N, C-alpha and C. Protein backbone atom coordinates (compact mmCIF):
# COMPACT_ATOMS: atom_id res chain seq x y z
N MET A 1 11.42 -71.40 36.03
CA MET A 1 10.31 -71.86 36.85
C MET A 1 10.71 -73.09 37.69
N ALA A 2 11.60 -73.90 37.14
CA ALA A 2 12.05 -75.09 37.87
C ALA A 2 12.79 -74.68 39.15
N ARG A 3 13.56 -73.62 39.06
CA ARG A 3 14.30 -73.14 40.22
C ARG A 3 13.33 -72.68 41.32
N ILE A 4 12.26 -72.04 40.89
CA ILE A 4 11.25 -71.56 41.84
C ILE A 4 10.56 -72.75 42.50
N GLN A 5 10.25 -73.77 41.72
CA GLN A 5 9.63 -74.99 42.27
C GLN A 5 10.55 -75.65 43.29
N ARG A 6 11.84 -75.66 43.01
CA ARG A 6 12.80 -76.24 43.97
C ARG A 6 12.84 -75.42 45.25
N ASP A 7 12.80 -74.09 45.10
CA ASP A 7 12.78 -73.23 46.30
C ASP A 7 11.54 -73.50 47.13
N LEU A 8 10.40 -73.62 46.48
CA LEU A 8 9.16 -73.89 47.20
C LEU A 8 9.20 -75.25 47.88
N ALA A 9 9.71 -76.26 47.17
CA ALA A 9 9.80 -77.61 47.74
C ALA A 9 10.72 -77.64 48.96
N ALA A 10 11.75 -76.78 48.94
CA ALA A 10 12.69 -76.73 50.06
C ALA A 10 12.18 -75.83 51.18
N GLY A 11 11.02 -75.21 50.97
CA GLY A 11 10.45 -74.34 52.00
C GLY A 11 10.96 -72.90 51.96
N HIS A 12 11.62 -72.54 50.89
CA HIS A 12 12.16 -71.18 50.73
C HIS A 12 11.15 -70.31 49.97
N VAL A 13 10.03 -70.07 50.62
CA VAL A 13 8.93 -69.33 49.98
C VAL A 13 9.36 -67.90 49.66
N ALA A 14 10.03 -67.23 50.58
CA ALA A 14 10.44 -65.84 50.36
C ALA A 14 11.37 -65.72 49.15
N LEU A 15 12.28 -66.66 49.02
CA LEU A 15 13.20 -66.64 47.88
C LEU A 15 12.45 -66.88 46.57
N ALA A 16 11.54 -67.84 46.58
CA ALA A 16 10.75 -68.12 45.38
C ALA A 16 9.91 -66.90 45.00
N ARG A 17 9.32 -66.27 46.00
CA ARG A 17 8.51 -65.07 45.76
C ARG A 17 9.37 -63.96 45.15
N LYS A 18 10.57 -63.78 45.69
CA LYS A 18 11.46 -62.74 45.17
C LYS A 18 11.87 -63.04 43.74
N ARG A 19 12.15 -64.31 43.46
CA ARG A 19 12.56 -64.69 42.09
C ARG A 19 11.47 -64.37 41.07
N LEU A 20 10.21 -64.44 41.48
CA LEU A 20 9.12 -64.12 40.56
C LEU A 20 8.74 -62.64 40.59
N ARG A 21 8.80 -62.03 41.74
CA ARG A 21 8.36 -60.62 41.84
C ARG A 21 9.32 -59.66 41.13
N ASP A 22 10.60 -59.92 41.20
CA ASP A 22 11.56 -59.02 40.56
C ASP A 22 11.29 -58.88 39.06
N PRO A 23 11.11 -59.97 38.32
CA PRO A 23 10.80 -59.81 36.89
C PRO A 23 9.44 -59.13 36.65
N VAL A 24 8.48 -59.37 37.52
CA VAL A 24 7.17 -58.73 37.36
C VAL A 24 7.30 -57.22 37.54
N HIS A 25 8.06 -56.81 38.55
CA HIS A 25 8.26 -55.37 38.77
C HIS A 25 9.06 -54.74 37.63
N ALA A 26 9.99 -55.49 37.06
CA ALA A 26 10.79 -54.97 35.95
C ALA A 26 9.99 -54.92 34.65
N ASN A 27 9.00 -55.80 34.51
CA ASN A 27 8.18 -55.88 33.30
C ASN A 27 6.70 -55.93 33.67
N PRO A 28 6.14 -54.83 34.17
CA PRO A 28 4.78 -54.86 34.70
C PRO A 28 3.69 -55.16 33.66
N THR A 29 3.99 -55.02 32.39
CA THR A 29 2.98 -55.30 31.37
C THR A 29 2.99 -56.74 30.89
N ARG A 30 3.93 -57.54 31.37
CA ARG A 30 4.00 -58.95 30.97
C ARG A 30 3.02 -59.76 31.80
N LEU A 31 1.86 -60.05 31.21
CA LEU A 31 0.82 -60.79 31.92
C LEU A 31 1.25 -62.22 32.25
N ASP A 32 2.09 -62.81 31.40
CA ASP A 32 2.53 -64.18 31.67
C ASP A 32 3.32 -64.25 32.98
N LEU A 33 4.12 -63.23 33.26
CA LEU A 33 4.87 -63.22 34.53
C LEU A 33 3.92 -63.03 35.71
N ARG A 34 2.92 -62.17 35.53
CA ARG A 34 1.93 -61.96 36.59
C ARG A 34 1.17 -63.26 36.87
N GLU A 35 0.82 -63.99 35.81
CA GLU A 35 0.10 -65.25 35.98
C GLU A 35 0.96 -66.29 36.69
N GLN A 36 2.26 -66.30 36.42
CA GLN A 36 3.15 -67.23 37.12
C GLN A 36 3.22 -66.89 38.61
N LEU A 37 3.29 -65.60 38.90
CA LEU A 37 3.33 -65.17 40.30
C LEU A 37 2.02 -65.53 40.99
N ALA A 38 0.90 -65.31 40.33
CA ALA A 38 -0.41 -65.68 40.89
C ALA A 38 -0.48 -67.18 41.13
N ALA A 39 0.04 -67.97 40.19
CA ALA A 39 0.03 -69.43 40.35
C ALA A 39 0.85 -69.85 41.57
N MET A 40 1.96 -69.18 41.79
CA MET A 40 2.78 -69.50 42.97
C MET A 40 2.00 -69.19 44.24
N TYR A 41 1.33 -68.04 44.27
CA TYR A 41 0.54 -67.68 45.45
C TYR A 41 -0.61 -68.66 45.66
N ARG A 42 -1.20 -69.14 44.57
CA ARG A 42 -2.25 -70.16 44.71
C ARG A 42 -1.67 -71.41 45.35
N GLU A 43 -0.48 -71.79 44.90
CA GLU A 43 0.16 -73.00 45.38
C GLU A 43 0.48 -72.92 46.87
N ILE A 44 0.85 -71.73 47.35
CA ILE A 44 1.20 -71.62 48.77
C ILE A 44 0.01 -71.19 49.62
N GLY A 45 -1.16 -71.06 49.00
CA GLY A 45 -2.38 -70.81 49.75
C GLY A 45 -2.62 -69.37 50.16
N GLU A 46 -2.26 -68.43 49.31
CA GLU A 46 -2.52 -67.02 49.58
C GLU A 46 -3.44 -66.45 48.51
N PRO A 47 -4.76 -66.64 48.67
CA PRO A 47 -5.69 -66.21 47.62
C PRO A 47 -5.73 -64.69 47.41
N SER A 48 -5.48 -63.91 48.44
CA SER A 48 -5.52 -62.45 48.24
C SER A 48 -4.39 -62.00 47.31
N GLN A 49 -3.21 -62.59 47.48
CA GLN A 49 -2.09 -62.25 46.60
C GLN A 49 -2.30 -62.85 45.20
N ALA A 50 -2.88 -64.03 45.15
CA ALA A 50 -3.19 -64.62 43.84
C ALA A 50 -4.17 -63.71 43.09
N GLY A 51 -5.16 -63.18 43.80
CA GLY A 51 -6.10 -62.25 43.19
C GLY A 51 -5.44 -60.96 42.77
N ARG A 52 -4.50 -60.50 43.56
CA ARG A 52 -3.78 -59.27 43.21
C ARG A 52 -3.03 -59.41 41.90
N TRP A 53 -2.34 -60.52 41.74
CA TRP A 53 -1.50 -60.68 40.56
C TRP A 53 -2.24 -61.27 39.37
N SER A 54 -3.42 -61.86 39.58
CA SER A 54 -4.18 -62.39 38.45
C SER A 54 -5.35 -61.48 38.08
N PHE A 55 -5.37 -60.28 38.65
CA PHE A 55 -6.47 -59.35 38.45
C PHE A 55 -6.75 -59.11 36.96
N LEU A 56 -5.72 -59.01 36.14
CA LEU A 56 -5.87 -58.73 34.72
C LEU A 56 -5.93 -59.99 33.86
N SER A 57 -5.83 -61.13 34.49
CA SER A 57 -5.74 -62.40 33.77
C SER A 57 -7.12 -63.03 33.55
N GLN A 58 -7.20 -63.88 32.55
CA GLN A 58 -8.41 -64.65 32.32
C GLN A 58 -8.53 -65.81 33.31
N GLU A 59 -7.42 -66.15 33.95
CA GLU A 59 -7.39 -67.30 34.87
C GLU A 59 -7.78 -66.95 36.30
N ARG A 60 -8.19 -65.74 36.54
CA ARG A 60 -8.55 -65.34 37.91
C ARG A 60 -9.86 -66.01 38.32
N THR A 61 -10.03 -66.12 39.63
CA THR A 61 -11.28 -66.68 40.16
C THR A 61 -11.97 -65.63 41.02
N ASP A 62 -13.27 -65.78 41.17
CA ASP A 62 -14.03 -64.85 42.00
C ASP A 62 -13.55 -64.90 43.45
N ARG A 63 -13.20 -66.08 43.92
CA ARG A 63 -12.71 -66.25 45.29
C ARG A 63 -11.44 -65.44 45.51
N GLU A 64 -10.53 -65.49 44.55
CA GLU A 64 -9.28 -64.74 44.68
C GLU A 64 -9.52 -63.24 44.61
N LEU A 65 -10.38 -62.82 43.71
CA LEU A 65 -10.67 -61.39 43.61
C LEU A 65 -11.35 -60.87 44.87
N SER A 66 -12.26 -61.67 45.43
CA SER A 66 -12.92 -61.28 46.67
C SER A 66 -11.91 -61.17 47.81
N ALA A 67 -10.99 -62.13 47.88
CA ALA A 67 -9.95 -62.10 48.93
C ALA A 67 -9.06 -60.88 48.74
N PHE A 68 -8.74 -60.55 47.50
CA PHE A 68 -7.91 -59.38 47.21
C PHE A 68 -8.63 -58.10 47.63
N GLU A 69 -9.90 -57.95 47.27
CA GLU A 69 -10.66 -56.76 47.63
C GLU A 69 -10.85 -56.65 49.14
N LYS A 70 -11.03 -57.80 49.79
CA LYS A 70 -11.19 -57.79 51.25
C LYS A 70 -9.89 -57.35 51.93
N ALA A 71 -8.75 -57.83 51.41
CA ALA A 71 -7.46 -57.50 52.01
C ALA A 71 -7.02 -56.07 51.71
N TYR A 72 -7.32 -55.58 50.51
CA TYR A 72 -6.79 -54.28 50.10
C TYR A 72 -7.87 -53.22 49.90
N GLY A 73 -9.12 -53.62 49.99
CA GLY A 73 -10.21 -52.65 49.82
C GLY A 73 -10.54 -52.45 48.36
N SER A 74 -11.70 -51.92 48.15
CA SER A 74 -12.17 -51.61 46.80
C SER A 74 -11.75 -50.20 46.45
N ASN A 75 -11.64 -49.90 45.17
CA ASN A 75 -11.27 -48.55 44.77
C ASN A 75 -12.50 -47.67 44.55
N GLU A 76 -13.69 -48.17 44.84
CA GLU A 76 -14.91 -47.40 44.63
C GLU A 76 -14.94 -46.10 45.45
N PRO A 77 -14.61 -46.12 46.75
CA PRO A 77 -14.58 -44.85 47.48
C PRO A 77 -13.57 -43.86 46.90
N GLN A 78 -12.43 -44.35 46.45
CA GLN A 78 -11.42 -43.47 45.85
C GLN A 78 -11.95 -42.86 44.57
N THR A 79 -12.68 -43.63 43.78
CA THR A 79 -13.25 -43.12 42.54
C THR A 79 -14.23 -42.01 42.83
N ARG A 80 -15.08 -42.20 43.84
CA ARG A 80 -16.02 -41.15 44.23
C ARG A 80 -15.28 -39.90 44.70
N LEU A 81 -14.22 -40.08 45.48
CA LEU A 81 -13.44 -38.96 45.96
C LEU A 81 -12.80 -38.21 44.79
N ASP A 82 -12.29 -38.93 43.80
CA ASP A 82 -11.70 -38.29 42.63
C ASP A 82 -12.73 -37.43 41.89
N LYS A 83 -13.97 -37.93 41.78
CA LYS A 83 -15.02 -37.16 41.10
C LYS A 83 -15.33 -35.89 41.88
N ILE A 84 -15.38 -35.98 43.20
CA ILE A 84 -15.64 -34.80 44.03
C ILE A 84 -14.50 -33.79 43.86
N LYS A 85 -13.26 -34.28 43.83
CA LYS A 85 -12.12 -33.39 43.63
C LYS A 85 -12.22 -32.68 42.29
N ASP A 86 -12.61 -33.42 41.22
CA ASP A 86 -12.73 -32.82 39.89
C ASP A 86 -13.76 -31.70 39.89
N VAL A 87 -14.91 -31.93 40.53
CA VAL A 87 -15.96 -30.91 40.60
C VAL A 87 -15.46 -29.71 41.39
N THR A 88 -14.80 -29.95 42.50
CA THR A 88 -14.29 -28.87 43.34
C THR A 88 -13.28 -28.02 42.58
N VAL A 89 -12.37 -28.65 41.87
CA VAL A 89 -11.38 -27.92 41.08
C VAL A 89 -12.09 -27.09 40.02
N GLY A 90 -13.10 -27.66 39.38
CA GLY A 90 -13.86 -26.92 38.37
C GLY A 90 -14.52 -25.69 38.94
N VAL A 91 -15.13 -25.81 40.10
CA VAL A 91 -15.79 -24.68 40.75
C VAL A 91 -14.75 -23.61 41.11
N ILE A 92 -13.63 -24.01 41.64
CA ILE A 92 -12.58 -23.06 42.01
C ILE A 92 -12.09 -22.30 40.78
N VAL A 93 -11.90 -23.00 39.67
CA VAL A 93 -11.44 -22.35 38.44
C VAL A 93 -12.47 -21.31 37.99
N ILE A 94 -13.74 -21.66 38.02
CA ILE A 94 -14.79 -20.72 37.61
C ILE A 94 -14.80 -19.48 38.51
N VAL A 95 -14.68 -19.67 39.82
CA VAL A 95 -14.67 -18.55 40.76
C VAL A 95 -13.47 -17.65 40.49
N VAL A 96 -12.31 -18.22 40.27
CA VAL A 96 -11.10 -17.43 40.01
C VAL A 96 -11.25 -16.65 38.71
N VAL A 97 -11.76 -17.29 37.67
CA VAL A 97 -11.95 -16.60 36.38
C VAL A 97 -12.92 -15.43 36.54
N LEU A 98 -14.03 -15.66 37.23
CA LEU A 98 -15.00 -14.57 37.44
C LEU A 98 -14.38 -13.44 38.26
N PHE A 99 -13.59 -13.76 39.25
CA PHE A 99 -12.92 -12.74 40.05
C PHE A 99 -11.97 -11.91 39.19
N VAL A 100 -11.18 -12.58 38.36
CA VAL A 100 -10.23 -11.88 37.49
C VAL A 100 -10.98 -10.99 36.51
N ILE A 101 -12.07 -11.48 35.93
CA ILE A 101 -12.88 -10.66 35.02
C ILE A 101 -13.41 -9.42 35.75
N GLY A 102 -13.87 -9.60 37.00
CA GLY A 102 -14.34 -8.47 37.80
C GLY A 102 -13.25 -7.45 38.05
N VAL A 103 -12.06 -7.90 38.37
CA VAL A 103 -10.93 -7.00 38.61
C VAL A 103 -10.60 -6.24 37.33
N ILE A 104 -10.55 -6.94 36.22
CA ILE A 104 -10.24 -6.29 34.94
C ILE A 104 -11.31 -5.24 34.61
N ALA A 105 -12.57 -5.58 34.81
CA ALA A 105 -13.65 -4.63 34.53
C ALA A 105 -13.56 -3.40 35.42
N THR A 106 -13.23 -3.61 36.68
CA THR A 106 -13.09 -2.48 37.61
C THR A 106 -11.93 -1.57 37.19
N VAL A 107 -10.81 -2.16 36.85
CA VAL A 107 -9.65 -1.38 36.41
C VAL A 107 -10.00 -0.63 35.12
N TRP A 108 -10.68 -1.30 34.22
CA TRP A 108 -11.05 -0.69 32.94
C TRP A 108 -11.96 0.51 33.18
N ARG A 109 -12.95 0.34 34.07
CA ARG A 109 -13.87 1.44 34.40
C ARG A 109 -13.10 2.60 35.04
N GLY A 110 -12.20 2.29 35.95
CA GLY A 110 -11.41 3.34 36.60
C GLY A 110 -10.54 4.08 35.61
N ALA A 111 -9.92 3.34 34.71
CA ALA A 111 -9.06 3.97 33.70
C ALA A 111 -9.88 4.84 32.76
N SER A 112 -11.07 4.41 32.41
CA SER A 112 -11.90 5.19 31.48
C SER A 112 -12.35 6.49 32.14
N ILE A 113 -12.62 6.45 33.44
CA ILE A 113 -13.02 7.67 34.14
C ILE A 113 -11.85 8.64 34.20
N VAL A 114 -10.67 8.13 34.55
CA VAL A 114 -9.48 8.98 34.66
C VAL A 114 -9.10 9.57 33.31
N LEU A 115 -9.19 8.77 32.28
CA LEU A 115 -8.78 9.23 30.96
C LEU A 115 -9.89 9.93 30.19
N GLY A 116 -11.10 9.90 30.76
CA GLY A 116 -12.23 10.59 30.12
C GLY A 116 -12.84 9.82 28.97
N TRP A 117 -12.63 8.52 28.94
CA TRP A 117 -13.25 7.71 27.87
C TRP A 117 -14.73 7.54 28.16
N ILE A 118 -15.51 7.55 27.13
CA ILE A 118 -16.95 7.34 27.29
C ILE A 118 -17.35 6.10 26.53
N PHE A 119 -18.08 5.22 27.22
CA PHE A 119 -18.56 3.99 26.59
C PHE A 119 -20.04 3.89 26.70
């Protein structure tokens, strides 16, 4: 962290960001690394990125989350779209199953007539 602070003090923001982002990408479940990255973004005045990286943290602020949602959008429309897709897939499956049952019944009826089966 001291190296990152030196980079920031020297104005090497991109280098400091890279030094923190690489470990976060390598260990995405490490919340402590995400919190450090969020803290760096807070320090350089980027609330949307601070909100992005502190989203799962207890240290997040409403201001940062709002900036993050404003910059990247909410996932609410995507959630609605996913539900519509699920319903559509369900309807398609039902239609295909009913079609296959109809085909089987037709073949069965035709075979019974040809073979003289009585049901």
